[in-house]
Amino acid sequence: RIARITALCSGFVYALARVGITGERTDSPDIAPLIARIRATTSLPIAAGFGISTAAHVGAVTAHADGAIVGSAIVRSMREAISAKRSPEDAAVALVESLTRL
């Protein structure tokens, strides 16, 4: 199944780091086996996401994948900034900077 999916990809492969409902998580799943299976079928870069919200998550993911995708944590930080009458853009930038300081 992975080979069929990666054959249809272009640019990069988005690997779901877990199964379930999207959103922030506190744990970090072991994605090494999944990334290895994907790498065996494609030369495209692999970015993993789904529940990534901390620098530790980013580090765990990028130890195996080429990139980490953060979604819900950015939305949350922007929503909190708006509620506090602060710049949502600045909040998003600050979060991304904090996640990439490894």
PDB file of N, CA and C in Angstrom:
ATOM      1  N   ARG A   1       0.820  -1.196   0.000  1.00  0.00           N
ATOM      2  CA  ARG A   1       0.000   0.000   0.000  1.00  0.00           C
ATOM      3  C   ARG A   1       0.864   1.259   0.000  1.00  0.00           C
ATOM      4  N   ILE A   2       1.933   1.260   0.776  1.00  0.00           N
ATOM      5  CA  ILE A   2       2.804   2.432   0.833  1.00  0.00           C
ATOM      6  C   ILE A   2       3.405   2.717  -0.538  1.00  0.00           C
ATOM      7  N   ALA A   3       3.837   1.692  -1.249  1.00  0.00           N
ATOM      8  CA  ALA A   3       4.429   1.896  -2.575  1.00  0.00           C
ATOM      9  C   ALA A   3       3.425   2.522  -3.534  1.00  0.00           C
ATOM     10  N   ARG A   4       2.176   2.105  -3.466  1.00  0.00           N
ATOM     11  CA  ARG A   4       1.143   2.692  -4.342  1.00  0.00           C
ATOM     12  C   ARG A   4       0.940   4.163  -4.007  1.00  0.00           C
ATOM     13  N   ILE A   5       0.947   4.479  -2.732  1.00  0.00           N
ATOM     14  CA  ILE A   5       0.736   5.867  -2.313  1.00  0.00           C
ATOM     15  C   ILE A   5       1.931   6.733  -2.699  1.00  0.00           C
ATOM     16  N   THR A   6       3.143   6.284  -2.400  1.00  0.00           N
ATOM     17  CA  THR A   6       4.314   7.114  -2.700  1.00  0.00           C
ATOM     18  C   THR A   6       4.508   7.294  -4.201  1.00  0.00           C
ATOM     19  N   ALA A   7       4.049   6.349  -5.005  1.00  0.00           N
ATOM     20  CA  ALA A   7       4.143   6.496  -6.460  1.00  0.00           C
ATOM     21  C   ALA A   7       3.313   7.676  -6.952  1.00  0.00           C
ATOM     22  N   LEU A   8       2.300   8.058  -6.196  1.00  0.00           N
ATOM     23  CA  LEU A   8       1.431   9.177  -6.566  1.00  0.00           C
ATOM     24  C   LEU A   8       1.900  10.510  -5.988  1.00  0.00           C
ATOM     25  N   CYS A   9       2.908  10.481  -5.143  1.00  0.00           N
ATOM     26  CA  CYS A   9       3.382  11.701  -4.476  1.00  0.00           C
ATOM     27  C   CYS A   9       4.335  12.486  -5.365  1.00  0.00           C
ATOM     28  N   SER A  10       4.359  13.790  -5.127  1.00  0.00           N
ATOM     29  CA  SER A  10       5.357  14.653  -5.758  1.00  0.00           C
ATOM     30  C   SER A  10       5.780  15.697  -4.734  1.00  0.00           C
ATOM     31  N   GLY A  11       7.014  16.126  -4.819  1.00  0.00           N
ATOM     32  CA  GLY A  11       7.511  17.121  -3.872  1.00  0.00           C
ATOM     33  C   GLY A  11       8.022  16.496  -2.593  1.00  0.00           C
ATOM     34  N   PHE A  12       7.124  15.908  -1.816  1.00  0.00           N
ATOM     35  CA  PHE A  12       7.493  15.213  -0.586  1.00  0.00           C
ATOM     36  C   PHE A  12       6.360  14.273  -0.199  1.00  0.00           C
ATOM     37  N   VAL A  13       6.647  13.379   0.720  1.00  0.00           N
ATOM     38  CA  VAL A  13       5.647  12.460   1.255  1.00  0.00           C
ATOM     39  C   VAL A  13       5.284  12.934   2.655  1.00  0.00           C
ATOM     40  N   TYR A  14       3.990  13.083   2.911  1.00  0.00           N
ATOM     41  CA  TYR A  14       3.506  13.455   4.244  1.00  0.00           C
ATOM     42  C   TYR A  14       3.148  12.162   4.964  1.00  0.00           C
ATOM     43  N   ALA A  15       3.935  11.819   5.961  1.00  0.00           N
ATOM     44  CA  ALA A  15       3.697  10.601   6.738  1.00  0.00           C
ATOM     45  C   ALA A  15       2.940  10.957   8.008  1.00  0.00           C
ATOM     46  N   LEU A  16       1.831  10.291   8.246  1.00  0.00           N
ATOM     47  CA  LEU A  16       1.091  10.492   9.488  1.00  0.00           C
ATOM     48  C   LEU A  16       1.819   9.759  10.601  1.00  0.00           C
ATOM     49  N   ALA A  17       2.240  10.506  11.592  1.00  0.00           N
ATOM     50  CA  ALA A  17       3.035   9.931  12.678  1.00  0.00           C
ATOM     51  C   ALA A  17       2.202   9.081  13.626  1.00  0.00           C
ATOM     52  N   ARG A  18       0.901   9.144  13.508  1.00  0.00           N
ATOM     53  CA  ARG A  18       0.015   8.354  14.372  1.00  0.00           C
ATOM     54  C   ARG A  18      -1.345   8.237  13.712  1.00  0.00           C
ATOM     55  N   VAL A  19      -2.164   7.364  14.246  1.00  0.00           N
ATOM     56  CA  VAL A  19      -3.533   7.209  13.772  1.00  0.00           C
ATOM     57  C   VAL A  19      -4.454   7.837  14.800  1.00  0.00           C
ATOM     58  N   GLY A  20      -5.460   8.541  14.356  1.00  0.00           N
ATOM     59  CA  GLY A  20      -6.408   9.149  15.289  1.00  0.00           C
ATOM     60  C   GLY A  20      -6.887  10.490  14.799  1.00  0.00           C
ATOM     61  N   ILE A  21      -7.336  11.307  15.735  1.00  0.00           N
ATOM     62  CA  ILE A  21      -7.847  12.633  15.425  1.00  0.00           C
ATOM     63  C   ILE A  21      -6.704  13.623  15.549  1.00  0.00           C
ATOM     64  N   THR A  22      -6.606  14.519  14.571  1.00  0.00           N
ATOM     65  CA  THR A  22      -5.520  15.495  14.592  1.00  0.00           C
ATOM     66  C   THR A  22      -5.582  16.373  15.834  1.00  0.00           C
ATOM     67  N   GLY A  23      -4.451  16.899  16.207  1.00  0.00           N
ATOM     68  CA  GLY A  23      -4.359  17.757  17.384  1.00  0.00           C
ATOM     69  C   GLY A  23      -3.059  17.524  18.110  1.00  0.00           C
ATOM     70  N   GLU A  24      -2.815  18.343  19.096  1.00  0.00           N
ATOM     71  CA  GLU A  24      -1.569  18.248  19.847  1.00  0.00           C
ATOM     72  C   GLU A  24      -1.572  17.018  20.748  1.00  0.00           C
ATOM     73  N   ARG A  25      -0.413  16.442  20.924  1.00  0.00           N
ATOM     74  CA  ARG A  25      -0.252  15.278  21.790  1.00  0.00           C
ATOM     75  C   ARG A  25       0.871  15.558  22.776  1.00  0.00           C
ATOM     76  N   THR A  26       0.889  14.797  23.855  1.00  0.00           N
ATOM     77  CA  THR A  26       1.979  14.938  24.816  1.00  0.00           C
ATOM     78  C   THR A  26       3.050  13.879  24.594  1.00  0.00           C
ATOM     79  N   ASP A  27       2.688  12.757  23.992  1.00  0.00           N
ATOM     80  CA  ASP A  27       3.662  11.699  23.750  1.00  0.00           C
ATOM     81  C   ASP A  27       4.185  11.802  22.324  1.00  0.00           C
ATOM     82  N   SER A  28       5.218  11.049  22.045  1.00  0.00           N
ATOM     83  CA  SER A  28       5.826  11.051  20.723  1.00  0.00           C
ATOM     84  C   SER A  28       5.986   9.603  20.279  1.00  0.00           C
ATOM     85  N   PRO A  29       5.264   9.199  19.240  1.00  0.00           N
ATOM     86  CA  PRO A  29       5.328   7.805  18.819  1.00  0.00           C
ATOM     87  C   PRO A  29       6.658   7.477  18.145  1.00  0.00           C
ATOM     88  N   ASP A  30       7.023   6.204  18.131  1.00  0.00           N
ATOM     89  CA  ASP A  30       8.227   5.758  17.441  1.00  0.00           C
ATOM     90  C   ASP A  30       7.889   5.620  15.966  1.00  0.00           C
ATOM     91  N   ILE A  31       8.349   6.572  15.171  1.00  0.00           N
ATOM     92  CA  ILE A  31       8.007   6.559  13.748  1.00  0.00           C
ATOM     93  C   ILE A  31       9.094   5.927  12.887  1.00  0.00           C
ATOM     94  N   ALA A  32      10.196   5.500  13.491  1.00  0.00           N
ATOM     95  CA  ALA A  32      11.311   4.947  12.722  1.00  0.00           C
ATOM     96  C   ALA A  32      10.884   3.815  11.789  1.00  0.00           C
ATOM     97  N   PRO A  33      10.098   2.833  12.251  1.00  0.00           N
ATOM     98  CA  PRO A  33       9.710   1.747  11.344  1.00  0.00           C
ATOM     99  C   PRO A  33       8.883   2.243  10.149  1.00  0.00           C
ATOM    100  N   LEU A  34       7.980   3.172  10.394  1.00  0.00           N
ATOM    101  CA  LEU A  34       7.158   3.712   9.304  1.00  0.00           C
ATOM    102  C   LEU A  34       8.027   4.459   8.300  1.00  0.00           C
ATOM    103  N   ILE A  35       8.908   5.313   8.773  1.00  0.00           N
ATOM    104  CA  ILE A  35       9.770   6.082   7.873  1.00  0.00           C
ATOM    105  C   ILE A  35      10.659   5.141   7.062  1.00  0.00           C
ATOM    106  N   ALA A  36      11.171   4.096   7.672  1.00  0.00           N
ATOM    107  CA  ALA A  36      12.000   3.119   6.950  1.00  0.00           C
ATOM    108  C   ALA A  36      11.203   2.446   5.840  1.00  0.00           C
ATOM    109  N   ARG A  37       9.949   2.083   6.129  1.00  0.00           N
ATOM    110  CA  ARG A  37       9.111   1.456   5.094  1.00  0.00           C
ATOM    111  C   ARG A  37       8.842   2.426   3.952  1.00  0.00           C
ATOM    112  N   ILE A  38       8.615   3.686   4.271  1.00  0.00           N
ATOM    113  CA  ILE A  38       8.376   4.684   3.224  1.00  0.00           C
ATOM    114  C   ILE A  38       9.649   4.899   2.408  1.00  0.00           C
ATOM    115  N   ARG A  39      10.795   5.047   3.074  1.00  0.00           N
ATOM    116  CA  ARG A  39      12.067   5.276   2.365  1.00  0.00           C
ATOM    117  C   ARG A  39      12.386   4.153   1.386  1.00  0.00           C
ATOM    118  N   ALA A  40      11.951   2.953   1.692  1.00  0.00           N
ATOM    119  CA  ALA A  40      12.208   1.812   0.809  1.00  0.00           C
ATOM    120  C   ALA A  40      11.440   1.920  -0.502  1.00  0.00           C
ATOM    121  N   THR A  41      10.459   2.833  -0.567  1.00  0.00           N
ATOM    122  CA  THR A  41       9.618   2.926  -1.762  1.00  0.00           C
ATOM    123  C   THR A  41       9.775   4.222  -2.543  1.00  0.00           C
ATOM    124  N   THR A  42      10.544   5.186  -2.020  1.00  0.00           N
ATOM    125  CA  THR A  42      10.630   6.487  -2.694  1.00  0.00           C
ATOM    126  C   THR A  42      11.943   7.186  -2.372  1.00  0.00           C
ATOM    127  N   SER A  43      12.340   8.068  -3.274  1.00  0.00           N
ATOM    128  CA  SER A  43      13.505   8.922  -3.015  1.00  0.00           C
ATOM    129  C   SER A  43      13.072  10.326  -2.606  1.00  0.00           C
ATOM    130  N   LEU A  44      11.772  10.562  -2.532  1.00  0.00           N
ATOM    131  CA  LEU A  44      11.263  11.870  -2.124  1.00  0.00           C
ATOM    132  C   LEU A  44      11.559  12.129  -0.648  1.00  0.00           C
ATOM    133  N   PRO A  45      11.706  13.394  -0.269  1.00  0.00           N
ATOM    134  CA  PRO A  45      11.830  13.714   1.153  1.00  0.00           C
ATOM    135  C   PRO A  45      10.555  13.318   1.894  1.00  0.00           C
ATOM    136  N   ILE A  46      10.698  12.981   3.154  1.00  0.00           N
ATOM    137  CA  ILE A  46       9.555  12.563   3.973  1.00  0.00           C
ATOM    138  C   ILE A  46       9.399  13.543   5.125  1.00  0.00           C
ATOM    139  N   ALA A  47       8.199  14.091   5.255  1.00  0.00           N
ATOM    140  CA  ALA A  47       7.865  14.960   6.386  1.00  0.00           C
ATOM    141  C   ALA A  47       6.776  14.264   7.182  1.00  0.00           C
ATOM    142  N   ALA A  48       6.933  14.230   8.479  1.00  0.00           N
ATOM    143  CA  ALA A  48       5.954  13.555   9.330  1.00  0.00           C
ATOM    144  C   ALA A  48       5.242  14.577  10.196  1.00  0.00           C
ATOM    145  N   GLY A  49       3.976  14.342  10.416  1.00  0.00           N
ATOM    146  CA  GLY A  49       3.190  15.241  11.233  1.00  0.00           C
ATOM    147  C   GLY A  49       2.094  14.499  11.953  1.00  0.00           C
ATOM    148  N   PHE A  50       1.259  15.255  12.640  1.00  0.00           N
ATOM    149  CA  PHE A  50       0.086  14.754  13.342  1.00  0.00           C
ATOM    150  C   PHE A  50       0.361  14.735  14.837  1.00  0.00           C
ATOM    151  N   GLY A  51       0.043  15.814  15.482  1.00  0.00           N
ATOM    152  CA  GLY A  51       0.199  15.888  16.928  1.00  0.00           C
ATOM    153  C   GLY A  51       1.511  16.476  17.398  1.00  0.00           C
ATOM    154  N   ILE A  52       2.299  17.028  16.512  1.00  0.00           N
ATOM    155  CA  ILE A  52       3.601  17.577  16.891  1.00  0.00           C
ATOM    156  C   ILE A  52       3.408  18.971  17.478  1.00  0.00           C
ATOM    157  N   SER A  53       3.891  19.158  18.708  1.00  0.00           N
ATOM    158  CA  SER A  53       3.666  20.455  19.361  1.00  0.00           C
ATOM    159  C   SER A  53       4.831  20.928  20.221  1.00  0.00           C
ATOM    160  N   THR A  54       5.889  20.139  20.332  1.00  0.00           N
ATOM    161  CA  THR A  54       7.028  20.534  21.171  1.00  0.00           C
ATOM    162  C   THR A  54       8.337  20.328  20.406  1.00  0.00           C
ATOM    163  N   ALA A  55       9.384  20.975  20.895  1.00  0.00           N
ATOM    164  CA  ALA A  55      10.704  20.787  20.296  1.00  0.00           C
ATOM    165  C   ALA A  55      11.149  19.329  20.416  1.00  0.00           C
ATOM    166  N   ALA A  56      10.767  18.670  21.504  1.00  0.00           N
ATOM    167  CA  ALA A  56      11.108  17.246  21.666  1.00  0.00           C
ATOM    168  C   ALA A  56      10.439  16.407  20.587  1.00  0.00           C
ATOM    169  N   HIS A  57       9.180  16.716  20.265  1.00  0.00           N
ATOM    170  CA  HIS A  57       8.492  16.005  19.185  1.00  0.00           C
ATOM    171  C   HIS A  57       9.226  16.220  17.861  1.00  0.00           C
ATOM    172  N   VAL A  58       9.581  17.479  17.577  1.00  0.00           N
ATOM    173  CA  VAL A  58      10.285  17.791  16.331  1.00  0.00           C
ATOM    174  C   VAL A  58      11.598  17.014  16.275  1.00  0.00           C
ATOM    175  N   GLY A  59      12.334  16.993  17.365  1.00  0.00           N
ATOM    176  CA  GLY A  59      13.593  16.256  17.403  1.00  0.00           C
ATOM    177  C   GLY A  59      13.411  14.768  17.167  1.00  0.00           C
ATOM    178  N   ALA A  60      12.375  14.198  17.781  1.00  0.00           N
ATOM    179  CA  ALA A  60      12.105  12.765  17.609  1.00  0.00           C
ATOM    180  C   ALA A  60      11.740  12.447  16.164  1.00  0.00           C
ATOM    181  N   VAL A  61      10.957  13.311  15.553  1.00  0.00           N
ATOM    182  CA  VAL A  61      10.525  13.090  14.169  1.00  0.00           C
ATOM    183  C   VAL A  61      11.690  13.282  13.206  1.00  0.00           C
ATOM    184  N   THR A  62      12.431  14.372  13.361  1.00  0.00           N
ATOM    185  CA  THR A  62      13.497  14.658  12.402  1.00  0.00           C
ATOM    186  C   THR A  62      14.732  13.782  12.594  1.00  0.00           C
ATOM    187  N   ALA A  63      14.742  12.966  13.630  1.00  0.00           N
ATOM    188  CA  ALA A  63      15.797  11.960  13.753  1.00  0.00           C
ATOM    189  C   ALA A  63      15.640  10.902  12.665  1.00  0.00           C
ATOM    190  N   HIS A  64      14.442  10.799  12.096  1.00  0.00           N
ATOM    191  CA  HIS A  64      14.153   9.785  11.080  1.00  0.00           C
ATOM    192  C   HIS A  64      13.617  10.380   9.785  1.00  0.00           C
ATOM    193  N   ALA A  65      12.760  11.366   9.894  1.00  0.00           N
ATOM    194  CA  ALA A  65      12.154  11.996   8.717  1.00  0.00           C
ATOM    195  C   ALA A  65      12.952  13.237   8.333  1.00  0.00           C
ATOM    196  N   ASP A  66      12.690  13.737   7.140  1.00  0.00           N
ATOM    197  CA  ASP A  66      13.391  14.919   6.647  1.00  0.00           C
ATOM    198  C   ASP A  66      12.794  16.214   7.176  1.00  0.00           C
ATOM    199  N   GLY A  67      11.588  16.141   7.703  1.00  0.00           N
ATOM    200  CA  GLY A  67      10.944  17.334   8.237  1.00  0.00           C
ATOM    201  C   GLY A  67       9.799  16.971   9.149  1.00  0.00           C
ATOM    202  N   ALA A  68       9.362  17.963   9.915  1.00  0.00           N
ATOM    203  CA  ALA A  68       8.225  17.791  10.826  1.00  0.00           C
ATOM    204  C   ALA A  68       7.148  18.796  10.439  1.00  0.00           C
ATOM    205  N   ILE A  69       5.911  18.363  10.445  1.00  0.00           N
ATOM    206  CA  ILE A  69       4.783  19.227  10.107  1.00  0.00           C
ATOM    207  C   ILE A  69       4.019  19.545  11.382  1.00  0.00           C
ATOM    208  N   VAL A  70       3.873  20.831  11.652  1.00  0.00           N
ATOM    209  CA  VAL A  70       3.164  21.301  12.847  1.00  0.00           C
ATOM    210  C   VAL A  70       1.920  22.037  12.383  1.00  0.00           C
ATOM    211  N   GLY A  71       0.764  21.673  12.889  1.00  0.00           N
ATOM    212  CA  GLY A  71      -0.479  22.335  12.498  1.00  0.00           C
ATOM    213  C   GLY A  71      -1.259  22.861  13.673  1.00  0.00           C
ATOM    214  N   SER A  72      -1.800  21.965  14.477  1.00  0.00           N
ATOM    215  CA  SER A  72      -2.685  22.352  15.579  1.00  0.00           C
ATOM    216  C   SER A  72      -2.010  23.266  16.588  1.00  0.00           C
ATOM    217  N   ALA A  73      -0.734  23.048  16.859  1.00  0.00           N
ATOM    218  CA  ALA A  73      -0.035  23.894  17.829  1.00  0.00           C
ATOM    219  C   ALA A  73       0.069  25.330  17.318  1.00  0.00           C
ATOM    220  N   ILE A  74       0.246  25.495  16.019  1.00  0.00           N
ATOM    221  CA  ILE A  74       0.300  26.844  15.448  1.00  0.00           C
ATOM    222  C   ILE A  74      -1.063  27.504  15.531  1.00  0.00           C
ATOM    223  N   VAL A  75      -2.107  26.761  15.193  1.00  0.00           N
ATOM    224  CA  VAL A  75      -3.466  27.307  15.286  1.00  0.00           C
ATOM    225  C   VAL A  75      -3.767  27.720  16.725  1.00  0.00           C
ATOM    226  N   ARG A  76      -3.409  26.873  17.697  1.00  0.00           N
ATOM    227  CA  ARG A  76      -3.646  27.191  19.103  1.00  0.00           C
ATOM    228  C   ARG A  76      -2.910  28.458  19.511  1.00  0.00           C
ATOM    229  N   SER A  77      -1.645  28.572  19.129  1.00  0.00           N
ATOM    230  CA  SER A  77      -0.869  29.751  19.526  1.00  0.00           C
ATOM    231  C   SER A  77      -1.447  31.022  18.919  1.00  0.00           C
ATOM    232  N   MET A  78      -1.932  30.932  17.696  1.00  0.00           N
ATOM    233  CA  MET A  78      -2.534  32.106  17.051  1.00  0.00           C
ATOM    234  C   MET A  78      -3.864  32.465  17.708  1.00  0.00           C
ATOM    235  N   ARG A  79      -4.656  31.450  18.034  1.00  0.00           N
ATOM    236  CA  ARG A  79      -5.948  31.689  18.694  1.00  0.00           C
ATOM    237  C   ARG A  79      -5.735  32.339  20.060  1.00  0.00           C
ATOM    238  N   GLU A  80      -4.765  31.849  20.816  1.00  0.00           N
ATOM    239  CA  GLU A  80      -4.465  32.438  22.125  1.00  0.00           C
ATOM    240  C   GLU A  80      -3.987  33.881  21.988  1.00  0.00           C
ATOM    241  N   ALA A  81      -3.186  34.147  20.968  1.00  0.00           N
ATOM    242  CA  ALA A  81      -2.701  35.513  20.754  1.00  0.00           C
ATOM    243  C   ALA A  81      -3.853  36.455  20.427  1.00  0.00           C
ATOM    244  N   ILE A  82      -4.757  36.018  19.591  1.00  0.00           N
ATOM    245  CA  ILE A  82      -5.915  36.851  19.241  1.00  0.00           C
ATOM    246  C   ILE A  82      -6.740  37.143  20.481  1.00  0.00           C
ATOM    247  N   SER A  83      -6.971  36.123  21.306  1.00  0.00           N
ATOM    248  CA  SER A  83      -7.737  36.315  22.546  1.00  0.00           C
ATOM    249  C   SER A  83      -7.058  37.316  23.474  1.00  0.00           C
ATOM    250  N   ALA A  84      -5.733  37.340  23.453  1.00  0.00           N
ATOM    251  CA  ALA A  84      -4.967  38.249  24.313  1.00  0.00           C
ATOM    252  C   ALA A  84      -4.665  39.579  23.613  1.00  0.00           C
ATOM    253  N   LYS A  85      -5.277  39.769  22.435  1.00  0.00           N
ATOM    254  CA  LYS A  85      -5.081  40.999  21.650  1.00  0.00           C
ATOM    255  C   LYS A  85      -3.610  41.224  21.279  1.00  0.00           C
ATOM    256  N   ARG A  86      -2.947  40.104  20.949  1.00  0.00           N
ATOM    257  CA  ARG A  86      -1.569  40.164  20.463  1.00  0.00           C
ATOM    258  C   ARG A  86      -1.556  39.729  19.007  1.00  0.00           C
ATOM    259  N   SER A  87      -0.446  39.898  18.362  1.00  0.00           N
ATOM    260  CA  SER A  87      -0.309  39.541  16.954  1.00  0.00           C
ATOM    261  C   SER A  87      -0.279  38.020  16.776  1.00  0.00           C
ATOM    262  N   PRO A  88      -1.233  37.461  16.023  1.00  0.00           N
ATOM    263  CA  PRO A  88      -1.197  36.019  15.771  1.00  0.00           C
ATOM    264  C   PRO A  88       0.012  35.620  14.925  1.00  0.00           C
ATOM    265  N   GLU A  89       0.421  36.506  14.039  1.00  0.00           N
ATOM    266  CA  GLU A  89       1.595  36.211  13.212  1.00  0.00           C
ATOM    267  C   GLU A  89       2.848  36.101  14.076  1.00  0.00           C
ATOM    268  N   ASP A  90       3.003  37.049  15.009  1.00  0.00           N
ATOM    269  CA  ASP A  90       4.162  36.999  15.907  1.00  0.00           C
ATOM    270  C   ASP A  90       4.136  35.739  16.767  1.00  0.00           C
ATOM    271  N   ALA A  91       2.949  35.341  17.197  1.00  0.00           N
ATOM    272  CA  ALA A  91       2.820  34.126  18.010  1.00  0.00           C
ATOM    273  C   ALA A  91       3.233  32.896  17.211  1.00  0.00           C
ATOM    274  N   ALA A  92       2.808  32.830  15.949  1.00  0.00           N
ATOM    275  CA  ALA A  92       3.168  31.689  15.103  1.00  0.00           C
ATOM    276  C   ALA A  92       4.676  31.649  14.870  1.00  0.00           C
ATOM    277  N   VAL A  93       5.260  32.800  14.583  1.00  0.00           N
ATOM    278  CA  VAL A  93       6.707  32.864  14.363  1.00  0.00           C
ATOM    279  C   VAL A  93       7.458  32.436  15.624  1.00  0.00           C
ATOM    280  N   ALA A  94       7.025  32.928  16.773  1.00  0.00           N
ATOM    281  CA  ALA A  94       7.685  32.568  18.036  1.00  0.00           C
ATOM    282  C   ALA A  94       7.610  31.065  18.286  1.00  0.00           C
ATOM    283  N   LEU A  95       6.452  30.468  18.004  1.00  0.00           N
ATOM    284  CA  LEU A  95       6.314  29.025  18.201  1.00  0.00           C
ATOM    285  C   LEU A  95       7.257  28.263  17.277  1.00  0.00           C
ATOM    286  N   VAL A  96       7.258  28.615  16.006  1.00  0.00           N
ATOM    287  CA  VAL A  96       8.127  27.917  15.055  1.00  0.00           C
ATOM    288  C   VAL A  96       9.592  28.066  15.465  1.00  0.00           C
ATOM    289  N   GLU A  97       9.974  29.261  15.875  1.00  0.00           N
ATOM    290  CA  GLU A  97      11.360  29.453  16.327  1.00  0.00           C
ATOM    291  C   GLU A  97      11.675  28.579  17.539  1.00  0.00           C
ATOM    292  N   SER A  98      10.727  28.455  18.461  1.00  0.00           N
ATOM    293  CA  SER A  98      10.968  27.622  19.649  1.00  0.00           C
ATOM    294  C   SER A  98      11.054  26.142  19.289  1.00  0.00           C
ATOM    295  N   LEU A  99      10.334  25.725  18.264  1.00  0.00           N
ATOM    296  CA  LEU A  99      10.344  24.319  17.853  1.00  0.00           C
ATOM    297  C   LEU A  99      11.597  23.956  17.075  1.00  0.00           C
ATOM    298  N   THR A 100      12.234  24.939  16.485  1.00  0.00           N
ATOM    299  CA  THR A 100      13.402  24.642  15.652  1.00  0.00           C
ATOM    300  C   THR A 100      14.718  24.876  16.365  1.00  0.00           C
ATOM    301  N   ARG A 101      14.684  25.293  17.608  1.00  0.00           N
ATOM    302  CA  ARG A 101      15.905  25.457  18.411  1.00  0.00           C
ATOM    303  C   ARG A 101      16.244  24.130  19.069  1.00  0.00           C
ATOM    304  N   LEU A 102      16.980  23.314  18.389  1.00  0.00           N
ATOM    305  CA  LEU A 102      17.323  21.990  18.930  1.00  0.00           C
ATOM    306  C   LEU A 102      18.774  21.922  19.328  1.00  0.00           C
TER     307      LEU A 102
END
